Protein backbone atom coordinates (compact mmCIF):
# COMPACT_ATOMS: atom_id res chain seq x y z
CA MET A 1 63.21 -5.64 -165.50
CA ASN A 2 66.43 -4.89 -167.40
CA TYR A 3 69.47 -3.04 -166.04
CA ARG A 4 73.00 -2.13 -167.07
CA LEU A 5 76.02 -0.69 -165.30
CA ARG A 6 76.47 3.04 -165.72
CA HIS A 7 79.20 4.04 -168.14
CA THR A 8 81.34 5.48 -165.31
CA VAL A 9 81.30 2.18 -163.37
CA GLU A 10 83.57 -0.83 -163.73
CA MET A 11 83.76 -4.16 -161.92
CA VAL A 12 87.16 -5.06 -160.47
CA ASN A 13 88.42 -8.45 -159.27
CA ARG A 14 91.33 -8.34 -156.82
CA ASP A 15 92.51 -11.67 -155.42
CA GLY A 16 89.04 -13.17 -155.51
CA GLU A 17 87.35 -10.08 -154.03
CA TYR A 18 84.98 -8.12 -156.25
CA PHE A 19 84.33 -4.38 -156.22
CA LEU A 20 82.27 -1.91 -158.17
CA VAL A 21 84.24 1.27 -158.76
CA SER A 22 82.54 4.50 -159.84
CA LYS A 23 84.82 7.17 -161.28
CA LYS A 24 82.43 10.13 -161.12
CA PRO A 25 81.53 10.47 -158.32
CA LEU A 26 84.44 8.44 -156.92
CA TYR A 27 83.28 5.62 -154.63
CA THR A 28 83.53 1.87 -154.29
CA LEU A 29 81.30 -1.00 -153.22
CA ARG A 30 82.45 -4.48 -152.18
CA LEU A 31 80.38 -7.33 -153.70
CA ASN A 32 79.77 -10.80 -152.36
CA ARG A 33 80.18 -13.66 -154.82
CA SER A 34 76.52 -14.08 -155.75
CA LEU A 35 76.12 -10.34 -156.39
CA ALA A 36 79.37 -10.36 -158.39
CA ASP A 37 77.96 -13.13 -160.57
CA LEU A 38 74.80 -11.10 -161.15
CA VAL A 39 76.64 -7.86 -161.92
CA GLY A 40 79.13 -9.72 -164.07
CA ARG A 41 76.38 -10.35 -166.59
CA GLY A 42 76.49 -6.64 -167.36
CA ILE A 43 80.18 -6.35 -168.26
CA ASP A 44 80.98 -4.47 -171.50
CA GLY A 45 77.64 -2.68 -171.51
CA ARG A 46 75.51 -5.82 -171.73
CA VAL A 47 71.96 -5.66 -170.44
CA ILE A 48 71.22 -7.54 -167.20
CA THR A 49 67.79 -9.15 -167.26
CA ALA A 50 66.98 -9.52 -163.57
CA ALA A 51 64.67 -12.20 -162.28
CA GLU A 52 62.03 -11.27 -159.72
CA SER A 53 64.32 -12.42 -156.89
CA GLU A 54 67.17 -10.28 -158.25
CA ARG A 55 65.29 -7.03 -158.79
CA GLY A 56 65.58 -5.87 -155.19
CA VAL A 57 69.37 -5.82 -155.16
CA MET A 58 69.55 -4.32 -158.67
CA GLU A 59 67.22 -1.54 -157.50
CA GLN A 60 69.61 -0.88 -154.62
CA LEU A 61 72.54 -0.64 -157.02
CA THR A 62 70.49 1.72 -159.18
CA ALA A 63 69.64 3.91 -156.19
CA LYS A 64 73.32 4.08 -155.27
CA GLY A 65 74.25 5.17 -158.80
CA PHE A 66 76.09 2.04 -159.93
CA ALA A 67 73.41 0.82 -162.36
CA GLU A 68 70.54 2.18 -164.42
CA ARG A 69 67.29 0.71 -165.67
CA VAL A 70 66.76 -0.17 -169.31
CA ARG A 71 63.12 0.04 -170.31
CA ILE A 72 62.12 -1.74 -173.50
CA ALA A 73 58.76 -0.46 -174.65
CA PRO A 74 56.53 -3.17 -176.07
CA GLU A 75 54.74 -2.70 -179.34
CA GLN A 76 51.21 -1.38 -179.10
CA SER A 77 48.62 -4.11 -178.77
CA ALA A 78 45.08 -4.70 -177.69
CA SER A 79 46.37 -5.21 -174.15
CA LEU A 80 47.10 -1.51 -173.68
CA PRO A 81 45.10 -0.09 -170.76
CA GLU A 82 42.28 2.39 -171.15
CA VAL A 83 43.32 5.87 -170.08
CA SER A 84 41.19 8.73 -168.75
CA ILE A 85 42.83 12.12 -169.33
CA ILE A 86 41.68 14.67 -166.75
CA ILE A 87 42.06 18.42 -167.30
CA PRO A 88 40.97 20.95 -164.64
CA VAL A 89 40.21 24.38 -166.06
CA MET A 90 38.97 27.80 -164.97
CA ASN A 91 38.83 30.70 -167.43
CA ARG A 92 41.48 29.40 -169.79
CA ALA A 93 39.59 28.89 -173.04
CA ASP A 94 42.53 29.58 -175.37
CA GLU A 95 44.93 27.43 -173.36
CA LEU A 96 42.37 24.63 -173.16
CA ARG A 97 41.91 24.71 -176.94
CA ARG A 98 45.66 24.34 -177.42
CA CYS A 99 45.80 21.49 -174.90
CA LEU A 100 42.90 19.59 -176.47
CA THR A 101 44.38 20.08 -179.94
CA SER A 102 47.58 18.40 -178.76
CA LEU A 103 45.59 15.52 -177.26
CA SER A 104 43.81 14.97 -180.57
CA GLN A 105 47.23 14.22 -182.08
CA LEU A 106 48.26 11.54 -179.57
CA THR A 107 49.59 8.31 -181.08
CA TYR A 108 47.94 6.26 -178.31
CA PRO A 109 44.88 4.36 -179.65
CA HIS A 110 42.03 6.87 -179.48
CA GLU A 111 39.46 4.18 -178.81
CA LYS A 112 41.22 3.61 -175.49
CA LEU A 113 41.08 7.27 -174.46
CA GLN A 114 38.52 9.17 -172.42
CA ILE A 115 39.07 12.93 -172.16
CA ILE A 116 37.45 14.67 -169.19
CA VAL A 117 37.43 18.45 -168.73
CA VAL A 118 36.46 19.58 -165.22
CA ASP A 119 35.19 23.14 -165.26
CA ASP A 120 35.87 24.95 -161.97
CA GLY A 121 33.26 27.68 -162.51
CA SER A 122 34.58 29.37 -165.66
CA SER A 123 32.99 32.61 -166.85
CA ASP A 124 34.60 32.43 -170.31
CA ASP A 125 34.19 29.99 -173.20
CA SER A 126 36.11 27.10 -171.62
CA PRO A 127 33.01 24.83 -171.40
CA ASP A 128 32.20 25.48 -175.07
CA VAL A 129 35.77 24.58 -176.08
CA ALA A 130 35.51 21.29 -174.19
CA ARG A 131 32.24 20.42 -175.96
CA GLU A 132 33.72 21.41 -179.33
CA PHE A 133 36.44 18.78 -178.95
CA GLY A 134 34.02 16.12 -177.77
CA ALA A 135 35.41 15.93 -174.24
CA LEU A 136 33.27 14.85 -171.32
CA LEU A 137 32.50 18.13 -169.51
CA VAL A 138 32.06 17.81 -165.75
CA PRO A 139 31.38 20.71 -163.33
CA SER A 140 33.63 20.82 -160.28
CA GLY A 141 30.69 21.58 -158.00
CA GLY A 142 31.62 25.16 -157.26
CA VAL A 143 33.63 28.17 -158.35
CA GLY A 144 37.38 28.24 -157.80
CA ARG A 145 37.48 25.06 -155.72
CA GLY A 146 41.01 24.52 -156.97
CA PRO A 147 42.82 22.00 -159.19
CA ALA A 148 42.96 19.28 -156.52
CA ALA A 149 39.19 19.23 -156.02
CA ALA A 150 38.59 19.43 -159.77
CA ARG A 151 40.90 16.50 -160.45
CA ASN A 152 39.09 14.41 -157.84
CA VAL A 153 35.76 15.16 -159.52
CA GLY A 154 37.24 14.15 -162.85
CA ALA A 155 38.61 10.93 -161.36
CA SER A 156 35.17 10.00 -160.04
CA ALA A 157 33.84 10.15 -163.61
CA ALA A 158 36.81 8.28 -165.10
CA GLU A 159 36.43 4.85 -166.67
CA GLY A 160 40.07 4.19 -167.50
CA GLU A 161 42.43 1.95 -165.62
CA ILE A 162 44.99 4.76 -165.75
CA LEU A 163 44.26 8.38 -164.82
CA ALA A 164 46.38 10.84 -166.79
CA PHE A 165 46.48 14.35 -165.32
CA ILE A 166 47.52 17.31 -167.46
CA ASP A 167 46.91 21.02 -166.88
CA SER A 168 44.98 23.23 -169.27
CA ASP A 169 48.05 25.44 -169.89
CA CYS A 170 50.05 22.43 -171.13
CA SER A 171 50.42 20.71 -174.49
CA ALA A 172 51.25 17.03 -174.81
CA SER A 173 53.73 15.55 -177.25
CA PRO A 174 52.24 12.95 -179.63
CA ASP A 175 54.04 10.09 -177.83
CA TRP A 176 53.18 11.33 -174.32
CA LEU A 177 51.18 8.27 -173.26
CA CYS A 178 52.96 5.70 -175.43
CA GLN A 179 56.26 6.51 -173.70
CA LEU A 180 54.94 6.51 -170.13
CA ILE A 181 52.30 3.76 -170.07
CA PRO A 182 54.82 0.84 -170.36
CA ALA A 183 56.11 1.65 -166.86
CA PHE A 184 52.81 0.31 -165.51
CA ASN A 185 53.81 -3.17 -166.64
CA GLU A 186 55.31 -3.41 -163.15
CA SER A 187 52.46 -4.35 -160.83
CA SER A 188 53.87 -2.26 -157.96
CA MET A 189 54.01 0.92 -160.05
CA ALA A 190 51.28 3.31 -158.93
CA ALA A 191 52.28 6.59 -160.58
CA VAL A 192 54.50 7.74 -163.42
CA GLY A 193 55.59 11.27 -164.22
CA GLY A 194 57.09 12.55 -167.45
CA GLN A 195 59.30 15.38 -168.61
CA VAL A 196 58.03 18.96 -168.42
CA ASP A 197 59.58 21.63 -170.63
CA GLY A 198 58.85 25.32 -171.02
CA MET A 199 56.62 26.35 -173.88
CA CYS A 200 57.98 29.86 -174.44
CA THR A 201 61.48 31.34 -174.79
CA GLU A 202 60.81 35.03 -175.43
CA SER A 203 61.49 36.56 -172.02
CA ALA A 204 64.44 36.14 -169.66
CA VAL A 205 62.10 34.43 -167.17
CA ASP A 206 61.03 31.97 -169.89
CA ARG A 207 64.65 31.05 -170.57
CA TYR A 208 65.32 30.75 -166.85
CA GLU A 209 62.29 28.47 -166.39
CA ALA A 210 63.44 26.34 -169.32
CA VAL A 211 66.27 24.99 -167.14
CA MET A 212 65.26 25.81 -163.55
CA SER A 213 61.54 25.05 -163.33
CA SER A 214 60.58 23.05 -160.25
CA LEU A 215 58.39 20.96 -162.58
CA SER A 216 61.47 19.60 -164.34
CA ILE A 217 62.63 16.66 -162.23
CA SER A 218 65.75 15.29 -163.87
CA SER A 219 67.41 14.16 -167.08
CA ARG A 220 67.59 10.62 -165.64
CA GLU A 221 65.01 8.07 -164.59
CA ARG A 222 64.20 7.97 -160.90
CA VAL A 223 62.10 5.58 -158.83
CA GLY A 224 60.81 6.02 -155.30
CA ASN A 225 58.92 3.64 -153.06
CA SER A 226 59.04 3.26 -149.30
CA GLY A 227 61.48 5.61 -147.60
CA SER A 228 61.49 9.09 -146.13
CA ASP A 229 63.12 11.12 -148.90
CA THR A 230 61.20 13.96 -150.57
CA PHE A 231 61.01 12.71 -154.18
CA TYR A 232 57.61 13.44 -155.75
CA LEU A 233 55.90 13.88 -159.14
CA PRO A 234 54.23 17.11 -160.32
CA SER A 235 50.57 16.87 -161.30
CA CYS A 236 50.80 18.67 -164.65
CA ASN A 237 52.26 15.48 -166.15
CA LEU A 238 51.14 12.65 -163.92
CA LEU A 239 49.73 9.21 -164.65
CA VAL A 240 48.25 7.24 -161.75
CA ARG A 241 46.74 3.79 -161.55
CA GLN A 242 43.07 4.44 -160.69
CA SER A 243 42.93 1.70 -158.06
CA ALA A 244 45.93 3.19 -156.24
CA PHE A 245 44.55 6.72 -156.58
CA LYS A 246 41.27 5.74 -154.97
CA GLY A 247 43.08 3.59 -152.42
CA VAL A 248 44.79 6.62 -150.91
CA GLY A 249 41.78 8.91 -151.22
CA GLY A 250 42.90 10.98 -154.21
CA PHE A 251 44.13 14.54 -153.90
CA ASP A 252 43.53 16.55 -150.74
CA ASP A 253 40.72 18.93 -151.74
CA SER A 254 41.81 21.50 -149.18
CA MET A 255 45.21 22.04 -150.77
CA HIS A 256 45.64 24.57 -153.58
CA VAL A 257 49.40 24.07 -153.83
CA GLY A 258 51.58 21.06 -152.97
CA GLU A 259 48.72 18.63 -153.49
CA ASP A 260 50.79 16.60 -155.94
CA VAL A 261 53.59 16.26 -153.39
CA ASP A 262 51.11 15.08 -150.78
CA LEU A 263 49.48 12.54 -153.12
CA THR A 264 52.70 10.92 -154.31
CA TRP A 265 54.08 10.79 -150.76
CA ARG A 266 50.92 9.04 -149.58
CA LEU A 267 51.28 6.52 -152.39
CA ARG A 268 54.82 5.82 -151.29
CA ASP A 269 53.73 5.54 -147.66
CA ARG A 270 51.43 2.71 -148.80
CA HIS A 271 54.51 0.97 -150.29
CA PHE A 272 53.56 1.75 -153.88
CA SER A 273 56.28 2.74 -156.32
CA ILE A 274 56.37 6.00 -158.25
CA CYS A 275 58.61 6.66 -161.22
CA TYR A 276 59.90 9.65 -163.15
CA LEU A 277 60.94 9.12 -166.77
CA PRO A 278 62.69 11.77 -168.88
CA LEU A 279 60.15 10.89 -171.59
CA GLY A 280 56.51 11.60 -172.28
CA ASN A 281 57.22 15.26 -172.81
CA ILE A 282 54.68 18.01 -172.27
CA LEU A 283 55.15 21.76 -172.75
CA HIS A 284 54.06 24.01 -169.90
CA GLU A 285 53.28 27.71 -170.27
CA HIS A 286 55.29 29.06 -167.36
CA ARG A 287 54.59 32.46 -165.85
CA SER A 288 56.75 34.83 -167.85
CA SER A 289 56.67 38.08 -165.87
CA ILE A 290 58.82 38.67 -162.80
CA ARG A 291 55.76 39.44 -160.68
CA SER A 292 53.82 36.30 -161.61
CA PHE A 293 57.00 34.21 -161.41
CA MET A 294 57.76 35.36 -157.87
CA SER A 295 54.12 35.01 -156.83
CA ARG A 296 54.09 31.40 -157.93
CA ARG A 297 57.37 30.62 -156.18
CA PHE A 298 55.96 32.21 -153.01
CA ASP A 299 52.89 29.96 -153.31
CA TYR A 300 55.08 26.89 -153.72
CA GLY A 301 57.00 27.84 -150.58
CA THR A 302 53.86 28.13 -148.47
CA SER A 303 53.13 24.43 -148.99
CA GLU A 304 56.16 23.30 -146.96
CA GLY A 305 54.50 24.02 -143.62
CA ILE A 306 51.38 21.92 -144.23
CA LEU A 307 53.39 19.17 -145.93
CA GLN A 308 55.62 18.89 -142.89
CA ILE A 309 52.57 18.55 -140.65
CA LEU A 310 51.02 15.91 -142.91
CA HIS A 311 54.30 14.03 -143.43
CA PRO A 312 56.52 14.59 -140.39
CA ALA A 313 58.82 11.70 -141.31
CA ARG A 314 59.85 13.39 -144.57
CA HIS A 315 62.37 16.12 -144.06
CA LYS A 316 65.53 17.51 -145.56
CA ARG A 317 68.69 15.47 -145.39
CA MET A 318 72.27 16.48 -145.88
CA VAL A 319 75.51 14.50 -145.87
CA ILE A 320 78.30 16.39 -144.09
CA PRO A 321 81.41 14.21 -143.67
CA PRO A 322 83.29 15.49 -140.57
CA LEU A 323 86.67 15.73 -142.28
CA LEU A 324 85.31 17.65 -145.26
CA ALA A 325 83.44 19.91 -142.84
CA ALA A 326 86.70 20.61 -140.98
CA ILE A 327 88.46 21.44 -144.26
CA LEU A 328 85.64 23.78 -145.24
CA ILE A 329 85.74 25.55 -141.86
CA LEU A 330 89.49 26.09 -142.24
CA CYS A 331 88.91 27.53 -145.72
CA LEU A 332 86.27 29.91 -144.37
CA MET A 333 88.65 31.04 -141.63
CA THR A 334 90.82 32.69 -144.29
CA PHE A 335 88.31 35.57 -144.32
CA PHE A 336 89.16 36.27 -140.68
CA VAL A 337 92.72 35.09 -139.99
CA GLY A 338 94.34 35.19 -143.43
CA TRP A 339 95.46 32.76 -146.08
CA TRP A 340 97.60 30.68 -143.72
CA ALA A 341 94.45 28.77 -142.68
CA LEU A 342 94.61 27.10 -146.10
CA LEU A 343 97.78 25.27 -145.09
CA PRO A 344 96.15 22.95 -142.52
CA ALA A 345 93.17 22.60 -144.86
CA CYS A 346 95.41 21.34 -147.67
CA GLY A 347 97.22 19.13 -145.18
CA LEU A 348 93.98 17.51 -144.05
CA LEU A 349 92.88 16.96 -147.65
CA LEU A 350 96.19 15.28 -148.57
CA LEU A 351 96.19 13.22 -145.38
CA ASP A 352 92.66 12.01 -146.09
CA ALA A 353 93.53 11.21 -149.72
CA ALA A 354 96.64 9.31 -148.61
CA ALA A 355 94.61 7.25 -146.13
CA VAL A 356 92.10 6.37 -148.82
CA ARG A 357 94.94 5.49 -151.21
CA LEU A 358 96.41 3.19 -148.58
CA ARG A 359 93.10 1.36 -148.08
CA ALA A 360 92.57 1.09 -151.82
CA GLY A 361 96.09 -0.27 -152.25
CA LYS A 362 95.52 -2.99 -149.67
CA GLN A 363 92.42 -4.04 -151.60
CA GLY A 364 94.24 -3.87 -154.92
CA LEU A 365 91.88 -1.27 -156.35
CA PRO A 366 93.18 0.77 -159.33
CA LEU A 367 92.80 4.19 -157.71
CA GLY A 368 95.67 6.62 -158.12
CA MET A 369 96.51 9.45 -155.74
CA ILE A 370 95.55 12.10 -158.27
CA ALA A 371 92.16 10.52 -158.93
CA ILE A 372 91.47 10.19 -155.20
CA ALA A 373 92.49 13.80 -154.46
CA ALA A 374 90.33 15.01 -157.37
CA GLY A 375 87.42 12.97 -156.03
CA ARG A 376 87.76 14.49 -152.58
CA LEU A 377 87.91 17.98 -154.08
CA ARG A 378 84.71 17.27 -156.00
CA SER A 379 83.11 16.05 -152.77
CA LEU A 380 84.22 19.26 -151.05
CA GLY A 381 82.77 21.27 -153.93
CA SER A 382 79.48 19.39 -153.66
CA LEU A 383 79.33 20.12 -149.94
CA VAL A 384 79.93 23.83 -150.60
CA TYR A 385 77.17 23.86 -153.21
CA TYR A 386 74.54 22.11 -151.08
CA LEU A 387 75.27 24.25 -148.03
CA SER A 388 75.21 27.41 -150.16
CA TYR A 389 72.01 26.41 -151.91
CA HIS A 390 70.28 25.67 -148.61
CA LEU A 391 71.34 29.02 -147.14
CA VAL A 392 70.18 30.92 -150.22
CA ARG A 393 66.95 28.93 -150.52
CA TYR A 394 65.75 29.35 -146.94
CA TYR A 395 67.70 32.20 -145.38
CA SER A 396 68.29 34.84 -148.11
CA ASN A 397 65.76 37.24 -146.60
CA ALA A 398 67.23 36.88 -143.10
CA LEU A 399 70.82 37.25 -144.36
CA ILE A 400 69.96 40.42 -146.27
CA VAL A 401 68.30 41.96 -143.21
CA LEU A 402 71.19 40.98 -140.93
CA SER A 403 73.70 42.35 -143.44
CA LEU A 404 72.18 45.80 -143.04
CA PHE A 405 73.39 45.75 -139.43
CA VAL A 406 76.47 43.56 -139.83
CA PRO A 407 78.03 44.62 -143.16
CA VAL A 408 80.59 41.78 -143.17
CA LEU A 409 77.68 39.39 -143.78
CA TRP A 410 77.33 40.86 -147.27
CA ILE A 411 80.52 38.99 -148.12
CA LEU A 412 79.08 35.73 -146.81
CA PHE A 413 75.79 36.24 -148.62
CA GLY A 414 77.51 37.15 -151.88
CA ALA A 415 79.78 34.11 -151.63
CA VAL A 416 76.98 31.61 -151.03
CA LEU A 417 74.82 33.17 -153.75
CA VAL A 418 77.59 33.04 -156.34
CA SER A 419 78.51 29.48 -155.27
CA ALA A 420 74.97 28.16 -155.63
CA ALA A 421 74.04 30.13 -158.75
CA GLY A 422 77.42 29.46 -160.36
CA VAL A 423 77.08 25.68 -160.11
CA ASP A 424 73.50 25.71 -161.40
CA TYR A 425 74.52 28.03 -164.24
CA ALA A 426 77.38 25.75 -165.25
CA VAL A 427 75.27 22.58 -165.04
CA LYS A 428 71.99 23.85 -166.52
CA LYS A 429 73.57 26.05 -169.23
CA PRO A 430 70.71 28.57 -169.60
CA LYS A 431 70.50 30.89 -172.59
CA LEU A 432 71.12 33.86 -170.31
CA SER A 433 74.10 35.86 -169.14
CA PHE A 434 75.40 34.87 -165.73
CA HIS A 435 74.38 38.23 -164.25
CA THR A 436 70.80 37.91 -165.52
CA PHE A 437 70.57 34.30 -164.40
CA THR A 438 71.89 35.14 -160.93
CA GLY A 439 69.45 38.04 -160.59
CA ILE A 440 66.43 35.87 -161.37
CA TYR A 441 67.92 33.10 -159.23
CA LEU A 442 68.04 35.45 -156.25
CA LEU A 443 64.48 36.65 -156.83
CA GLU A 444 63.29 33.04 -156.91
CA GLN A 445 64.98 32.19 -153.62
CA LEU A 446 63.71 35.37 -151.94
CA ALA A 447 60.14 34.59 -153.00
CA TYR A 448 60.31 30.91 -152.12
CA GLY A 449 62.00 31.55 -148.77
CA ALA A 450 59.37 34.15 -147.87
CA GLY A 451 56.65 31.67 -148.78
CA VAL A 452 58.18 28.96 -146.59
CA PHE A 453 58.36 31.32 -143.61
CA TRP A 454 54.80 32.56 -144.13
CA GLY A 455 53.44 29.03 -144.51
CA CYS A 456 55.26 27.85 -141.38
CA LEU A 457 54.10 30.92 -139.44
CA ARG A 458 50.47 30.33 -140.41
CA ARG A 459 50.69 26.70 -139.35
CA ARG A 460 52.82 27.45 -136.30
CA CYS A 461 55.13 24.65 -137.38
CA PHE A 462 58.75 25.36 -138.30
CA SER A 463 59.86 21.78 -138.82
CA SER A 464 60.54 22.65 -142.47
CA TYR A 465 63.78 24.24 -141.32
CA ARG A 466 64.97 21.05 -139.62
CA ILE A 467 67.72 19.10 -141.39
CA GLU A 468 68.78 15.54 -140.69
CA ILE A 469 72.56 15.40 -141.00
CA PHE A 470 74.46 12.25 -141.92
CA GLN A 471 78.19 11.76 -141.73
CA GLN A 472 78.09 9.35 -144.64
CA ILE A 473 75.47 7.47 -146.64
CA GLU A 474 77.69 5.30 -148.74
CA GLN A 475 81.24 4.02 -148.73
CA THR A 476 82.55 7.11 -150.46
CA VAL A 477 86.23 7.90 -151.15
């Protein structure tokens, strides 16, 4: 596997001691000599080709944000694996036609493709469309059994080494498989997910979904293996090694939402690796009306209760450094005691920055006071965002109800909403006005939060609301 240092990272040698220094976010990592020799091969943007014995530590550096993987796709050859593309469908003849048309234009060798359409009891022309395109048509064994059950039926009829799941309301880019399949060159890789973009841009909801869809993972590669974080891959653009899929029992037939989360978590629990690549693009026809949009977000929320029961070790985590928390509390006190509370807050921030500057100076690290203070302010801003987002995501409904009886809470609710929506608006850059974006943002959180509560209530399990708090994960300055 190949790696390189991220462009914001530099390696520093001070009196025989080696450090990696990241500018954004601002943090440092001390290296021992052998690791310094390894990382030193990547100075000036050079690619580090890691041996098998070196991959573990390079993966750790990648997870910490110091390095990134460099994937070099091999040329197509006869060694490419056979792929079975599985499409569950129920009463979506027009969407299925569009999907199958896109698959007919794939650049992957067609002689290595098997296309399976699993009909879940359609009453329209979906089966005829599948036959028209020469796909293997398989009945799901019922009516409305759900996508998870249909995908399992399709997998049982699959002949390919790789199972490629795509939904009937999606269209694949020509290079979909060619860009994702090379990740399976790693023997430990069990599943690979690709980029999901919105198909339509006409309505405000379409433009919101284009940047805020829960199916869009990231603009950067991400890998997950053993561990208890909540990283997963959505099933509308999911490739899975058939042996691994069968090894964990496939999708849970009883789940109509969240089944992709459950599957990829079970793969990780078996010490397989899963990977997201910002490649292998598909277009997804998102729900474009407010009603259907909120209904879907509600459905997504209901899955948290059962997922927490099935995977009790996976729960939300949040880093809250004590000093930053104290500064934030002092800032919040200005609403009750006046602006003077900012004075001790500023004092704590400067004191913390000075202490960090002193430690950095003793180590000979090139970190100036201004850079350190700016880094701490960014960390404080990140803390505000994550706390605000969590409150809006899970407690919007409760805060609105409480605000009817305690009017001062409207100020709190407005502040956290603007904080969370403002950051996402600035980062995602949607083609919407801020007011429109914030309105849809609020509707999404209300629907999702209601779904979480309803799902937890039905299961009589409220562990979804539990957060594991860490004072620090890394040596952050």
